[in-house]
């Protein structure tokens, strides 16, 4: 069930604890997130993190608590990303992201109509990768061939432009 990179012992450990806790983890996520699918995603992300950090997870004196703590931080990150979306773009519940990368708001207006030509800039594309795709600054900076510090600065300047524009 969990990844090819885990040994049998590791996979059994994750599966044992995940299966025992998945329902409680889901209810915990539901109490912190309004959206059913976000709650499921948060629990799945917690399992993914358990697999990636398998050594820490297995060495934990209380693996169940480790899962809940991890889920707590996953939920916190989801909420943080939603706040960024609400603050700089528009309410996330009304966002429609099409395959071709055209972003529209609740009314169906493209962001280009809302923000002008700024949406065609690399800076806006970087912001969208960070906000919508949960990419890190490092990932985005590598993708655009710039340093992490340059990426941070460009995102900061874009956010200021968007604040003024709104």
C-alpha atoms as a PDB file:
ATOM      1  CA  UNK A   1       0.000   0.000   0.000  1.00  0.00           C
ATOM      2  CA  UNK A   2       2.758   2.490   0.882  1.00  0.00           C
ATOM      3  CA  UNK A   3       5.512   3.116  -1.621  1.00  0.00           C
ATOM      4  CA  UNK A   4       8.188   1.021  -3.204  1.00  0.00           C
ATOM      5  CA  UNK A   5      11.109   2.590  -1.347  1.00  0.00           C
ATOM      6  CA  UNK A   6      10.157   1.226   2.041  1.00  0.00           C
ATOM      7  CA  UNK A   7      11.413  -2.075   3.326  1.00  0.00           C
ATOM      8  CA  UNK A   8       8.800  -4.690   4.165  1.00  0.00           C
ATOM      9  CA  UNK A   9       9.252  -3.962   7.868  1.00  0.00           C
ATOM     10  CA  UNK A  10       8.817  -0.210   7.312  1.00  0.00           C
ATOM     11  CA  UNK A  11       5.789  -0.656   5.060  1.00  0.00           C
ATOM     12  CA  UNK A  12       4.183  -2.994   7.606  1.00  0.00           C
ATOM     13  CA  UNK A  13       4.847  -0.481  10.382  1.00  0.00           C
ATOM     14  CA  UNK A  14       3.264   2.401   8.451  1.00  0.00           C
ATOM     15  CA  UNK A  15       0.330   0.307   7.318  1.00  0.00           C
ATOM     16  CA  UNK A  16      -0.322  -1.031  10.822  1.00  0.00           C
ATOM     17  CA  UNK A  17      -0.420   2.423  12.402  1.00  0.00           C
ATOM     18  CA  UNK A  18      -2.135   4.127   9.484  1.00  0.00           C
ATOM     19  CA  UNK A  19      -4.897   1.509   9.319  1.00  0.00           C
ATOM     20  CA  UNK A  20      -5.406   1.670  13.074  1.00  0.00           C
ATOM     21  CA  UNK A  21      -5.552   5.472  13.057  1.00  0.00           C
ATOM     22  CA  UNK A  22      -6.971   6.464   9.663  1.00  0.00           C
ATOM     23  CA  UNK A  23     -10.549   6.978  10.858  1.00  0.00           C
ATOM     24  CA  UNK A  24      -9.490   9.007  13.907  1.00  0.00           C
ATOM     25  CA  UNK A  25      -7.069  11.017  11.762  1.00  0.00           C
ATOM     26  CA  UNK A  26      -9.851  11.752   9.296  1.00  0.00           C
ATOM     27  CA  UNK A  27     -12.216  12.939  12.050  1.00  0.00           C
ATOM     28  CA  UNK A  28      -9.459  15.111  13.453  1.00  0.00           C
ATOM     29  CA  UNK A  29      -8.874  16.609  10.007  1.00  0.00           C
ATOM     30  CA  UNK A  30     -12.630  17.157   9.571  1.00  0.00           C
ATOM     31  CA  UNK A  31     -12.730  19.096  12.826  1.00  0.00           C
ATOM     32  CA  UNK A  32     -10.046  21.454  11.526  1.00  0.00           C
ATOM     33  CA  UNK A  33     -11.046  21.717   7.866  1.00  0.00           C
ATOM     34  CA  UNK A  34     -14.461  22.490   6.427  1.00  0.00           C
ATOM     35  CA  UNK A  35     -13.979  20.577   3.196  1.00  0.00           C
ATOM     36  CA  UNK A  36     -14.336  16.778   3.025  1.00  0.00           C
ATOM     37  CA  UNK A  37     -11.834  16.366   0.219  1.00  0.00           C
ATOM     38  CA  UNK A  38      -9.285  18.596   1.979  1.00  0.00           C
ATOM     39  CA  UNK A  39      -9.670  16.432   5.085  1.00  0.00           C
ATOM     40  CA  UNK A  40      -8.988  13.286   3.067  1.00  0.00           C
ATOM     41  CA  UNK A  41      -6.051  14.971   1.366  1.00  0.00           C
ATOM     42  CA  UNK A  42      -4.617  16.027   4.729  1.00  0.00           C
ATOM     43  CA  UNK A  43      -4.761  12.452   6.038  1.00  0.00           C
ATOM     44  CA  UNK A  44      -3.158  11.114   2.860  1.00  0.00           C
ATOM     45  CA  UNK A  45      -0.442  13.765   3.085  1.00  0.00           C
ATOM     46  CA  UNK A  46       0.191  12.674   6.668  1.00  0.00           C
ATOM     47  CA  UNK A  47       0.673   9.085   5.476  1.00  0.00           C
ATOM     48  CA  UNK A  48       3.013  10.294   2.731  1.00  0.00           C
ATOM     49  CA  UNK A  49       5.085  12.223   5.267  1.00  0.00           C
ATOM     50  CA  UNK A  50       5.207   9.148   7.505  1.00  0.00           C
ATOM     51  CA  UNK A  51       6.680   7.219   4.581  1.00  0.00           C
ATOM     52  CA  UNK A  52       9.188   9.936   3.744  1.00  0.00           C
ATOM     53  CA  UNK A  53      10.234  10.356   7.388  1.00  0.00           C
ATOM     54  CA  UNK A  54      10.011   6.663   8.175  1.00  0.00           C
ATOM     55  CA  UNK A  55      13.036   6.581  10.471  1.00  0.00           C
ATOM     56  CA  UNK A  56      11.652   9.337  12.725  1.00  0.00           C
ATOM     57  CA  UNK A  57       8.211   7.747  12.643  1.00  0.00           C
ATOM     58  CA  UNK A  58       9.508   4.305  13.632  1.00  0.00           C
ATOM     59  CA  UNK A  59      11.763   5.691  16.370  1.00  0.00           C
ATOM     60  CA  UNK A  60       8.950   7.702  17.900  1.00  0.00           C
ATOM     61  CA  UNK A  61       8.005   6.469  21.366  1.00  0.00           C
ATOM     62  CA  UNK A  62       4.351   7.167  20.476  1.00  0.00           C
ATOM     63  CA  UNK A  63       3.694   6.614  16.745  1.00  0.00           C
ATOM     64  CA  UNK A  64       0.008   7.514  17.069  1.00  0.00           C
ATOM     65  CA  UNK A  65       0.855  10.863  18.594  1.00  0.00           C
ATOM     66  CA  UNK A  66       3.477  11.376  15.874  1.00  0.00           C
ATOM     67  CA  UNK A  67       0.754  10.911  13.233  1.00  0.00           C
ATOM     68  CA  UNK A  68      -1.587  13.359  14.964  1.00  0.00           C
ATOM     69  CA  UNK A  69       1.173  15.932  15.347  1.00  0.00           C
ATOM     70  CA  UNK A  70       2.087  15.577  11.676  1.00  0.00           C
ATOM     71  CA  UNK A  71      -1.573  15.910  10.695  1.00  0.00           C
ATOM     72  CA  UNK A  72      -1.845  19.013  12.856  1.00  0.00           C
ATOM     73  CA  UNK A  73       0.970  20.660  10.874  1.00  0.00           C
ATOM     74  CA  UNK A  74      -0.481  19.508   7.549  1.00  0.00           C
ATOM     75  CA  UNK A  75      -3.811  21.123   8.468  1.00  0.00           C
ATOM     76  CA  UNK A  76      -2.021  24.285   9.535  1.00  0.00           C
ATOM     77  CA  UNK A  77      -0.230  24.464   6.175  1.00  0.00           C
ATOM     78  CA  UNK A  78      -3.488  23.924   4.270  1.00  0.00           C
ATOM     79  CA  UNK A  79      -5.131  26.751   6.213  1.00  0.00           C
ATOM     80  CA  UNK A  80      -2.136  28.992   5.603  1.00  0.00           C
ATOM     81  CA  UNK A  81      -2.321  28.324   1.873  1.00  0.00           C
ATOM     82  CA  UNK A  82      -6.055  29.046   1.889  1.00  0.00           C
ATOM     83  CA  UNK A  83      -5.419  32.390   3.603  1.00  0.00           C
ATOM     84  CA  UNK A  84      -2.877  33.312   0.951  1.00  0.00           C
ATOM     85  CA  UNK A  85      -5.367  32.388  -1.754  1.00  0.00           C
ATOM     86  CA  UNK A  86      -8.121  34.401  -0.109  1.00  0.00           C
ATOM     87  CA  UNK A  87      -5.867  37.371   0.476  1.00  0.00           C
ATOM     88  CA  UNK A  88      -4.045  37.652  -2.827  1.00  0.00           C
ATOM     89  CA  UNK A  89      -6.133  35.876  -5.382  1.00  0.00           C
ATOM     90  CA  UNK A  90      -9.759  35.147  -4.466  1.00  0.00           C
ATOM     91  CA  UNK A  91     -11.733  32.759  -2.301  1.00  0.00           C
ATOM     92  CA  UNK A  92     -10.413  29.283  -3.005  1.00  0.00           C
ATOM     93  CA  UNK A  93     -13.883  27.778  -3.161  1.00  0.00           C
ATOM     94  CA  UNK A  94     -14.634  29.818  -6.281  1.00  0.00           C
ATOM     95  CA  UNK A  95     -11.398  29.185  -8.106  1.00  0.00           C
ATOM     96  CA  UNK A  96     -11.523  27.207 -11.316  1.00  0.00           C
ATOM     97  CA  UNK A  97      -8.152  26.067 -12.600  1.00  0.00           C
ATOM     98  CA  UNK A  98      -8.323  24.659 -16.073  1.00  0.00           C
ATOM     99  CA  UNK A  99      -5.779  22.282 -17.574  1.00  0.00           C
ATOM    100  CA  UNK A 100      -4.338  24.984 -19.806  1.00  0.00           C
ATOM    101  CA  UNK A 101      -3.525  27.202 -16.858  1.00  0.00           C
ATOM    102  CA  UNK A 102      -6.200  29.878 -17.319  1.00  0.00           C
ATOM    103  CA  UNK A 103      -7.269  31.072 -13.922  1.00  0.00           C
ATOM    104  CA  UNK A 104     -10.829  32.302 -13.426  1.00  0.00           C
ATOM    105  CA  UNK A 105     -12.745  33.560 -10.445  1.00  0.00           C
ATOM    106  CA  UNK A 106     -16.304  32.869  -9.236  1.00  0.00           C
ATOM    107  CA  UNK A 107     -17.882  35.092 -11.878  1.00  0.00           C
ATOM    108  CA  UNK A 108     -15.988  33.348 -14.661  1.00  0.00           C
ATOM    109  CA  UNK A 109     -13.838  36.392 -15.368  1.00  0.00           C
ATOM    110  CA  UNK A 110     -10.261  35.580 -16.103  1.00  0.00           C
ATOM    111  CA  UNK A 111      -7.646  36.881 -13.730  1.00  0.00           C
ATOM    112  CA  UNK A 112      -6.241  38.833 -16.653  1.00  0.00           C
ATOM    113  CA  UNK A 113      -9.379  40.961 -16.649  1.00  0.00           C
ATOM    114  CA  UNK A 114      -9.107  41.333 -12.915  1.00  0.00           C
ATOM    115  CA  UNK A 115      -5.362  42.014 -12.606  1.00  0.00           C
ATOM    116  CA  UNK A 116      -4.313  42.987 -16.117  1.00  0.00           C
ATOM    117  CA  UNK A 117      -1.186  41.834 -17.877  1.00  0.00           C
ATOM    118  CA  UNK A 118       0.469  40.980 -14.560  1.00  0.00           C
ATOM    119  CA  UNK A 119      -0.943  37.439 -14.829  1.00  0.00           C
ATOM    120  CA  UNK A 120       1.280  36.789 -17.861  1.00  0.00           C
ATOM    121  CA  UNK A 121       4.448  37.536 -15.896  1.00  0.00           C
ATOM    122  CA  UNK A 122       6.808  34.867 -14.624  1.00  0.00           C
ATOM    123  CA  UNK A 123       6.343  36.323 -11.142  1.00  0.00           C
ATOM    124  CA  UNK A 124       2.613  35.587 -11.244  1.00  0.00           C
ATOM    125  CA  UNK A 125       3.300  32.083 -12.569  1.00  0.00           C
ATOM    126  CA  UNK A 126       5.716  31.547  -9.672  1.00  0.00           C
ATOM    127  CA  UNK A 127       3.081  32.701  -7.182  1.00  0.00           C
ATOM    128  CA  UNK A 128       0.530  30.339  -8.707  1.00  0.00           C
ATOM    129  CA  UNK A 129       2.976  27.410  -8.449  1.00  0.00           C
ATOM    130  CA  UNK A 130       3.568  28.209  -4.781  1.00  0.00           C
ATOM    131  CA  UNK A 131      -0.051  28.878  -3.828  1.00  0.00           C
ATOM    132  CA  UNK A 132      -1.964  26.430  -5.996  1.00  0.00           C
ATOM    133  CA  UNK A 133       0.537  23.605  -6.388  1.00  0.00           C
ATOM    134  CA  UNK A 134       2.077  23.837  -2.902  1.00  0.00           C
ATOM    135  CA  UNK A 135       5.553  24.081  -4.408  1.00  0.00           C
ATOM    136  CA  UNK A 136       8.365  25.321  -2.203  1.00  0.00           C
ATOM    137  CA  UNK A 137      10.408  28.428  -2.996  1.00  0.00           C
ATOM    138  CA  UNK A 138      13.320  26.108  -3.749  1.00  0.00           C
ATOM    139  CA  UNK A 139      11.325  24.102  -6.292  1.00  0.00           C
ATOM    140  CA  UNK A 140      10.007  27.238  -7.987  1.00  0.00           C
ATOM    141  CA  UNK A 141      13.409  28.915  -8.034  1.00  0.00           C
ATOM    142  CA  UNK A 142      14.944  25.842  -9.680  1.00  0.00           C
ATOM    143  CA  UNK A 143      12.098  25.652 -12.185  1.00  0.00           C
ATOM    144  CA  UNK A 144      12.580  29.303 -13.193  1.00  0.00           C
ATOM    145  CA  UNK A 145      16.377  29.178 -13.031  1.00  0.00           C
ATOM    146  CA  UNK A 146      16.842  31.794 -10.295  1.00  0.00           C
ATOM    147  CA  UNK A 147      18.151  31.793  -6.741  1.00  0.00           C
ATOM    148  CA  UNK A 148      15.811  31.158  -3.811  1.00  0.00           C
ATOM    149  CA  UNK A 149      16.413  34.702  -2.537  1.00  0.00           C
ATOM    150  CA  UNK A 150      15.554  36.187  -5.946  1.00  0.00           C
ATOM    151  CA  UNK A 151      12.398  34.074  -6.019  1.00  0.00           C
ATOM    152  CA  UNK A 152      11.368  35.287  -2.552  1.00  0.00           C
ATOM    153  CA  UNK A 153      11.964  38.904  -3.497  1.00  0.00           C
ATOM    154  CA  UNK A 154      10.012  38.629  -6.754  1.00  0.00           C
ATOM    155  CA  UNK A 155       7.069  37.010  -4.951  1.00  0.00           C
ATOM    156  CA  UNK A 156       7.207  39.728  -2.274  1.00  0.00           C
ATOM    157  CA  UNK A 157       7.132  42.489  -4.918  1.00  0.00           C
ATOM    158  CA  UNK A 158       4.276  40.808  -6.760  1.00  0.00           C
ATOM    159  CA  UNK A 159       2.237  40.535  -3.568  1.00  0.00           C
ATOM    160  CA  UNK A 160       2.747  44.270  -2.994  1.00  0.00           C
ATOM    161  CA  UNK A 161       1.577  45.004  -6.552  1.00  0.00           C
ATOM    162  CA  UNK A 162      -1.485  42.819  -6.070  1.00  0.00           C
ATOM    163  CA  UNK A 163      -2.334  44.530  -2.775  1.00  0.00           C
ATOM    164  CA  UNK A 164      -2.157  47.932  -4.455  1.00  0.00           C
ATOM    165  CA  UNK A 165      -4.211  46.665  -7.400  1.00  0.00           C
ATOM    166  CA  UNK A 166      -6.964  45.361  -5.155  1.00  0.00           C
END
